[in-house]
Amino acid sequence: MFLIAVLSNLLIGYGAHGKKPILSLILPLAVALSFFLIADIDSPRGGIIRVHPQNLYVLAESFKAQ
């Protein structure tokens, strides 16, 4: 998130010098992408990013062994 903020400020500063419309689209797209990825990680059952809780599987197996 820090890197996105720094690069966004650089793009705004660079875009203020010349009138390039593509640079004004990069910041909203980067912010929307970061919010999308945060929301996607927050929903564990669906979405693009799927993480298997390997540590919970190991913990459940250790309880069965006792």
PDB file of N, CA and C in Angstrom:
ATOM      1  N   MET A   1       0.824  -1.186   0.000  1.00  0.00           N
ATOM      2  CA  MET A   1       0.000   0.000   0.000  1.00  0.00           C
ATOM      3  C   MET A   1       0.874   1.257   0.000  1.00  0.00           C
ATOM      4  N   PHE A   2       1.990   1.186   0.713  1.00  0.00           N
ATOM      5  CA  PHE A   2       2.901   2.328   0.738  1.00  0.00           C
ATOM      6  C   PHE A   2       3.477   2.577  -0.652  1.00  0.00           C
ATOM      7  N   LEU A   3       3.839   1.506  -1.339  1.00  0.00           N
ATOM      8  CA  LEU A   3       4.396   1.642  -2.686  1.00  0.00           C
ATOM      9  C   LEU A   3       3.356   2.223  -3.639  1.00  0.00           C
ATOM     10  N   ILE A   4       2.131   1.803  -3.518  1.00  0.00           N
ATOM     11  CA  ILE A   4       1.064   2.352  -4.360  1.00  0.00           C
ATOM     12  C   ILE A   4       0.894   3.841  -4.082  1.00  0.00           C
ATOM     13  N   ALA A   5       0.955   4.240  -2.827  1.00  0.00           N
ATOM     14  CA  ALA A   5       0.814   5.654  -2.486  1.00  0.00           C
ATOM     15  C   ALA A   5       1.956   6.488  -3.056  1.00  0.00           C
ATOM     16  N   VAL A   6       3.185   5.984  -2.947  1.00  0.00           N
ATOM     17  CA  VAL A   6       4.340   6.720  -3.464  1.00  0.00           C
ATOM     18  C   VAL A   6       4.264   6.841  -4.979  1.00  0.00           C
ATOM     19  N   LEU A   7       3.977   5.734  -5.655  1.00  0.00           N
ATOM     20  CA  LEU A   7       3.895   5.776  -7.109  1.00  0.00           C
ATOM     21  C   LEU A   7       2.731   6.636  -7.586  1.00  0.00           C
ATOM     22  N   SER A   8       1.649   6.647  -6.850  1.00  0.00           N
ATOM     23  CA  SER A   8       0.516   7.489  -7.219  1.00  0.00           C
ATOM     24  C   SER A   8       0.879   8.965  -7.119  1.00  0.00           C
ATOM     25  N   ASN A   9       1.583   9.326  -6.068  1.00  0.00           N
ATOM     26  CA  ASN A   9       2.020  10.714  -5.939  1.00  0.00           C
ATOM     27  C   ASN A   9       2.990  11.091  -7.047  1.00  0.00           C
ATOM     28  N   LEU A  10       3.863  10.184  -7.420  1.00  0.00           N
ATOM     29  CA  LEU A  10       4.782  10.462  -8.527  1.00  0.00           C
ATOM     30  C   LEU A  10       4.021  10.640  -9.840  1.00  0.00           C
ATOM     31  N   LEU A  11       3.025   9.800 -10.073  1.00  0.00           N
ATOM     32  CA  LEU A  11       2.239   9.921 -11.299  1.00  0.00           C
ATOM     33  C   LEU A  11       1.428  11.213 -11.333  1.00  0.00           C
ATOM     34  N   ILE A  12       0.907  11.616 -10.206  1.00  0.00           N
ATOM     35  CA  ILE A  12       0.153  12.878 -10.157  1.00  0.00           C
ATOM     36  C   ILE A  12       1.086  14.052 -10.432  1.00  0.00           C
ATOM     37  N   GLY A  13       2.258  14.018  -9.825  1.00  0.00           N
ATOM     38  CA  GLY A  13       3.224  15.094 -10.066  1.00  0.00           C
ATOM     39  C   GLY A  13       3.715  15.127 -11.503  1.00  0.00           C
ATOM     40  N   TYR A  14       3.961  13.966 -12.063  1.00  0.00           N
ATOM     41  CA  TYR A  14       4.416  13.899 -13.451  1.00  0.00           C
ATOM     42  C   TYR A  14       3.288  14.287 -14.404  1.00  0.00           C
ATOM     43  N   GLY A  15       2.069  13.882 -14.087  1.00  0.00           N
ATOM     44  CA  GLY A  15       0.926  14.195 -14.939  1.00  0.00           C
ATOM     45  C   GLY A  15       0.527  15.653 -14.872  1.00  0.00           C
ATOM     46  N   ALA A  16       0.900  16.353 -13.808  1.00  0.00           N
ATOM     47  CA  ALA A  16       0.558  17.764 -13.696  1.00  0.00           C
ATOM     48  C   ALA A  16       1.366  18.611 -14.677  1.00  0.00           C
ATOM     49  N   HIS A  17       2.513  18.101 -15.091  1.00  0.00           N
ATOM     50  CA  HIS A  17       3.370  18.856 -16.020  1.00  0.00           C
ATOM     51  C   HIS A  17       2.759  18.881 -17.420  1.00  0.00           C
ATOM     52  N   GLY A  18       2.344  17.741 -17.899  1.00  0.00           N
ATOM     53  CA  GLY A  18       1.743  17.659 -19.226  1.00  0.00           C
ATOM     54  C   GLY A  18       0.321  17.153 -19.120  1.00  0.00           C
ATOM     55  N   LYS A  19      -0.442  17.383 -20.114  1.00  0.00           N
ATOM     56  CA  LYS A  19      -1.837  16.944 -20.102  1.00  0.00           C
ATOM     57  C   LYS A  19      -1.950  15.599 -20.804  1.00  0.00           C
ATOM     58  N   LYS A  20      -1.645  14.526 -20.090  1.00  0.00           N
ATOM     59  CA  LYS A  20      -1.752  13.182 -20.642  1.00  0.00           C
ATOM     60  C   LYS A  20      -2.909  12.475 -19.942  1.00  0.00           C
ATOM     61  N   PRO A  21      -3.981  12.177 -20.659  1.00  0.00           N
ATOM     62  CA  PRO A  21      -5.164  11.595 -19.998  1.00  0.00           C
ATOM     63  C   PRO A  21      -4.941  10.177 -19.479  1.00  0.00           C
ATOM     64  N   ILE A  22      -3.997   9.439 -20.048  1.00  0.00           N
ATOM     65  CA  ILE A  22      -3.776   8.061 -19.587  1.00  0.00           C
ATOM     66  C   ILE A  22      -3.212   8.049 -18.168  1.00  0.00           C
ATOM     67  N   LEU A  23      -2.440   9.063 -17.811  1.00  0.00           N
ATOM     68  CA  LEU A  23      -1.883   9.110 -16.462  1.00  0.00           C
ATOM     69  C   LEU A  23      -2.957   9.381 -15.416  1.00  0.00           C
ATOM     70  N   SER A  24      -4.011  10.074 -15.807  1.00  0.00           N
ATOM     71  CA  SER A  24      -5.078  10.333 -14.842  1.00  0.00           C
ATOM     72  C   SER A  24      -5.946   9.097 -14.617  1.00  0.00           C
ATOM     73  N   LEU A  25      -5.825   8.077 -15.448  1.00  0.00           N
ATOM     74  CA  LEU A  25      -6.568   6.839 -15.261  1.00  0.00           C
ATOM     75  C   LEU A  25      -5.809   5.820 -14.421  1.00  0.00           C
ATOM     76  N   ILE A  26      -4.498   5.955 -14.320  1.00  0.00           N
ATOM     77  CA  ILE A  26      -3.685   4.960 -13.616  1.00  0.00           C
ATOM     78  C   ILE A  26      -3.974   4.979 -12.119  1.00  0.00           C
ATOM     79  N   LEU A  27      -4.078   6.159 -11.527  1.00  0.00           N
ATOM     80  CA  LEU A  27      -4.319   6.245 -10.081  1.00  0.00           C
ATOM     81  C   LEU A  27      -5.650   5.621  -9.669  1.00  0.00           C
ATOM     82  N   PRO A  28      -6.772   5.941 -10.311  1.00  0.00           N
ATOM     83  CA  PRO A  28      -8.017   5.280  -9.891  1.00  0.00           C
ATOM     84  C   PRO A  28      -7.994   3.772 -10.124  1.00  0.00           C
ATOM     85  N   LEU A  29      -7.342   3.338 -11.185  1.00  0.00           N
ATOM     86  CA  LEU A  29      -7.250   1.901 -11.425  1.00  0.00           C
ATOM     87  C   LEU A  29      -6.392   1.208 -10.376  1.00  0.00           C
ATOM     88  N   ALA A  30      -5.300   1.830  -9.960  1.00  0.00           N
ATOM     89  CA  ALA A  30      -4.437   1.236  -8.936  1.00  0.00           C
ATOM     90  C   ALA A  30      -5.153   1.163  -7.593  1.00  0.00           C
ATOM     91  N   VAL A  31      -5.897   2.199  -7.252  1.00  0.00           N
ATOM     92  CA  VAL A  31      -6.642   2.202  -5.991  1.00  0.00           C
ATOM     93  C   VAL A  31      -7.759   1.159  -6.034  1.00  0.00           C
ATOM     94  N   ALA A  32      -8.465   1.082  -7.167  1.00  0.00           N
ATOM     95  CA  ALA A  32      -9.536   0.097  -7.294  1.00  0.00           C
ATOM     96  C   ALA A  32      -8.980  -1.318  -7.236  1.00  0.00           C
ATOM     97  N   LEU A  33      -7.833  -1.544  -7.870  1.00  0.00           N
ATOM     98  CA  LEU A  33      -7.212  -2.870  -7.836  1.00  0.00           C
ATOM     99  C   LEU A  33      -6.785  -3.240  -6.422  1.00  0.00           C
ATOM    100  N   SER A  34      -6.216  -2.298  -5.690  1.00  0.00           N
ATOM    101  CA  SER A  34      -5.787  -2.605  -4.321  1.00  0.00           C
ATOM    102  C   SER A  34      -6.983  -2.898  -3.423  1.00  0.00           C
ATOM    103  N   PHE A  35      -8.064  -2.131  -3.555  1.00  0.00           N
ATOM    104  CA  PHE A  35      -9.270  -2.415  -2.765  1.00  0.00           C
ATOM    105  C   PHE A  35      -9.884  -3.750  -3.151  1.00  0.00           C
ATOM    106  N   PHE A  36      -9.855  -4.079  -4.436  1.00  0.00           N
ATOM    107  CA  PHE A  36     -10.385  -5.362  -4.890  1.00  0.00           C
ATOM    108  C   PHE A  36      -9.594  -6.515  -4.293  1.00  0.00           C
ATOM    109  N   LEU A  37      -8.268  -6.404  -4.284  1.00  0.00           N
ATOM    110  CA  LEU A  37      -7.442  -7.477  -3.728  1.00  0.00           C
ATOM    111  C   LEU A  37      -7.626  -7.604  -2.222  1.00  0.00           C
ATOM    112  N   ILE A  38      -7.780  -6.500  -1.517  1.00  0.00           N
ATOM    113  CA  ILE A  38      -8.023  -6.562  -0.078  1.00  0.00           C
ATOM    114  C   ILE A  38      -9.369  -7.219   0.200  1.00  0.00           C
ATOM    115  N   ALA A  39     -10.394  -6.850  -0.557  1.00  0.00           N
ATOM    116  CA  ALA A  39     -11.711  -7.459  -0.369  1.00  0.00           C
ATOM    117  C   ALA A  39     -11.700  -8.930  -0.754  1.00  0.00           C
ATOM    118  N   ASP A  40     -10.899  -9.284  -1.748  1.00  0.00           N
ATOM    119  CA  ASP A  40     -10.822 -10.671  -2.186  1.00  0.00           C
ATOM    120  C   ASP A  40     -10.146 -11.545  -1.136  1.00  0.00           C
ATOM    121  N   ILE A  41      -9.128 -11.039  -0.498  1.00  0.00           N
ATOM    122  CA  ILE A  41      -8.456 -11.796   0.558  1.00  0.00           C
ATOM    123  C   ILE A  41      -9.381 -11.937   1.772  1.00  0.00           C
ATOM    124  N   ASP A  42     -10.230 -10.941   1.992  1.00  0.00           N
ATOM    125  CA  ASP A  42     -11.114 -10.949   3.152  1.00  0.00           C
ATOM    126  C   ASP A  42     -12.213 -12.000   3.037  1.00  0.00           C
ATOM    127  N   SER A  43     -12.558 -12.429   1.832  1.00  0.00           N
ATOM    128  CA  SER A  43     -13.588 -13.469   1.664  1.00  0.00           C
ATOM    129  C   SER A  43     -12.911 -14.813   1.399  1.00  0.00           C
ATOM    130  N   PRO A  44     -12.834 -15.678   2.406  1.00  0.00           N
ATOM    131  CA  PRO A  44     -12.031 -16.890   2.273  1.00  0.00           C
ATOM    132  C   PRO A  44     -12.652 -17.978   1.395  1.00  0.00           C
ATOM    133  N   ARG A  45     -13.955 -18.013   1.224  1.00  0.00           N
ATOM    134  CA  ARG A  45     -14.587 -19.110   0.494  1.00  0.00           C
ATOM    135  C   ARG A  45     -14.657 -18.894  -1.001  1.00  0.00           C
ATOM    136  N   GLY A  46     -14.552 -17.683  -1.458  1.00  0.00           N
ATOM    137  CA  GLY A  46     -14.645 -17.421  -2.882  1.00  0.00           C
ATOM    138  C   GLY A  46     -13.674 -16.336  -3.285  1.00  0.00           C
ATOM    139  N   GLY A  47     -13.604 -16.101  -4.562  1.00  0.00           N
ATOM    140  CA  GLY A  47     -12.738 -15.050  -5.049  1.00  0.00           C
ATOM    141  C   GLY A  47     -11.602 -15.597  -5.888  1.00  0.00           C
ATOM    142  N   ILE A  48     -10.738 -14.720  -6.291  1.00  0.00           N
ATOM    143  CA  ILE A  48      -9.611 -15.091  -7.153  1.00  0.00           C
ATOM    144  C   ILE A  48      -8.472 -15.694  -6.336  1.00  0.00           C
ATOM    145  N   ILE A  49      -8.153 -15.075  -5.205  1.00  0.00           N
ATOM    146  CA  ILE A  49      -7.050 -15.547  -4.368  1.00  0.00           C
ATOM    147  C   ILE A  49      -7.592 -16.621  -3.428  1.00  0.00           C
ATOM    148  N   ARG A  50      -7.025 -17.798  -3.510  1.00  0.00           N
ATOM    149  CA  ARG A  50      -7.442 -18.902  -2.623  1.00  0.00           C
ATOM    150  C   ARG A  50      -6.223 -19.399  -1.860  1.00  0.00           C
ATOM    151  N   VAL A  51      -6.325 -19.361  -0.554  1.00  0.00           N
ATOM    152  CA  VAL A  51      -5.243 -19.789   0.321  1.00  0.00           C
ATOM    153  C   VAL A  51      -5.752 -20.950   1.149  1.00  0.00           C
ATOM    154  N   HIS A  52      -5.043 -22.056   1.112  1.00  0.00           N
ATOM    155  CA  HIS A  52      -5.426 -23.214   1.906  1.00  0.00           C
ATOM    156  C   HIS A  52      -4.813 -23.087   3.299  1.00  0.00           C
ATOM    157  N   PRO A  53      -5.615 -23.244   4.346  1.00  0.00           N
ATOM    158  CA  PRO A  53      -5.109 -23.077   5.709  1.00  0.00           C
ATOM    159  C   PRO A  53      -4.295 -24.300   6.153  1.00  0.00           C
ATOM    160  N   GLN A  54      -3.101 -24.413   5.628  1.00  0.00           N
ATOM    161  CA  GLN A  54      -2.254 -25.568   5.897  1.00  0.00           C
ATOM    162  C   GLN A  54      -1.944 -25.697   7.384  1.00  0.00           C
ATOM    163  N   ASN A  55      -1.708 -24.571   8.058  1.00  0.00           N
ATOM    164  CA  ASN A  55      -1.388 -24.642   9.490  1.00  0.00           C
ATOM    165  C   ASN A  55      -2.580 -25.154  10.300  1.00  0.00           C
ATOM    166  N   LEU A  56      -3.809 -24.856   9.857  1.00  0.00           N
ATOM    167  CA  LEU A  56      -4.980 -25.371  10.577  1.00  0.00           C
ATOM    168  C   LEU A  56      -5.158 -26.873  10.335  1.00  0.00           C
ATOM    169  N   TYR A  57      -4.807 -27.336   9.144  1.00  0.00           N
ATOM    170  CA  TYR A  57      -4.853 -28.772   8.872  1.00  0.00           C
ATOM    171  C   TYR A  57      -3.864 -29.529   9.763  1.00  0.00           C
ATOM    172  N   VAL A  58      -2.667 -28.988   9.913  1.00  0.00           N
ATOM    173  CA  VAL A  58      -1.652 -29.617  10.763  1.00  0.00           C
ATOM    174  C   VAL A  58      -2.105 -29.607  12.218  1.00  0.00           C
ATOM    175  N   LEU A  59      -2.713 -28.521  12.656  1.00  0.00           N
ATOM    176  CA  LEU A  59      -3.207 -28.440  14.032  1.00  0.00           C
ATOM    177  C   LEU A  59      -4.316 -29.459  14.273  1.00  0.00           C
ATOM    178  N   ALA A  60      -5.222 -29.613  13.324  1.00  0.00           N
ATOM    179  CA  ALA A  60      -6.303 -30.593  13.473  1.00  0.00           C
ATOM    180  C   ALA A  60      -5.752 -32.011  13.519  1.00  0.00           C
ATOM    181  N   GLU A  61      -4.741 -32.295  12.727  1.00  0.00           N
ATOM    182  CA  GLU A  61      -4.112 -33.620  12.755  1.00  0.00           C
ATOM    183  C   GLU A  61      -3.404 -33.867  14.074  1.00  0.00           C
ATOM    184  N   SER A  62      -2.807 -32.829  14.660  1.00  0.00           N
ATOM    185  CA  SER A  62      -2.122 -33.023  15.944  1.00  0.00           C
ATOM    186  C   SER A  62      -3.128 -33.305  17.064  1.00  0.00           C
ATOM    187  N   PHE A  63      -4.328 -32.767  16.972  1.00  0.00           N
ATOM    188  CA  PHE A  63      -5.347 -33.064  17.982  1.00  0.00           C
ATOM    189  C   PHE A  63      -5.858 -34.489  17.850  1.00  0.00           C
ATOM    190  N   LYS A  64      -5.915 -35.001  16.627  1.00  0.00           N
ATOM    191  CA  LYS A  64      -6.361 -36.391  16.429  1.00  0.00           C
ATOM    192  C   LYS A  64      -5.359 -37.379  16.973  1.00  0.00           C
ATOM    193  N   ALA A  65      -4.088 -37.037  16.975  1.00  0.00           N
ATOM    194  CA  ALA A  65      -3.038 -37.939  17.433  1.00  0.00           C
ATOM    195  C   ALA A  65      -3.048 -38.099  18.967  1.00  0.00           C
ATOM    196  N   GLN A  66      -3.626 -37.159  19.660  1.00  0.00           N
ATOM    197  CA  GLN A  66      -3.596 -37.207  21.137  1.00  0.00           C
ATOM    198  C   GLN A  66      -4.658 -38.044  21.701  1.00  0.00           C
TER     199      GLN A  66
END
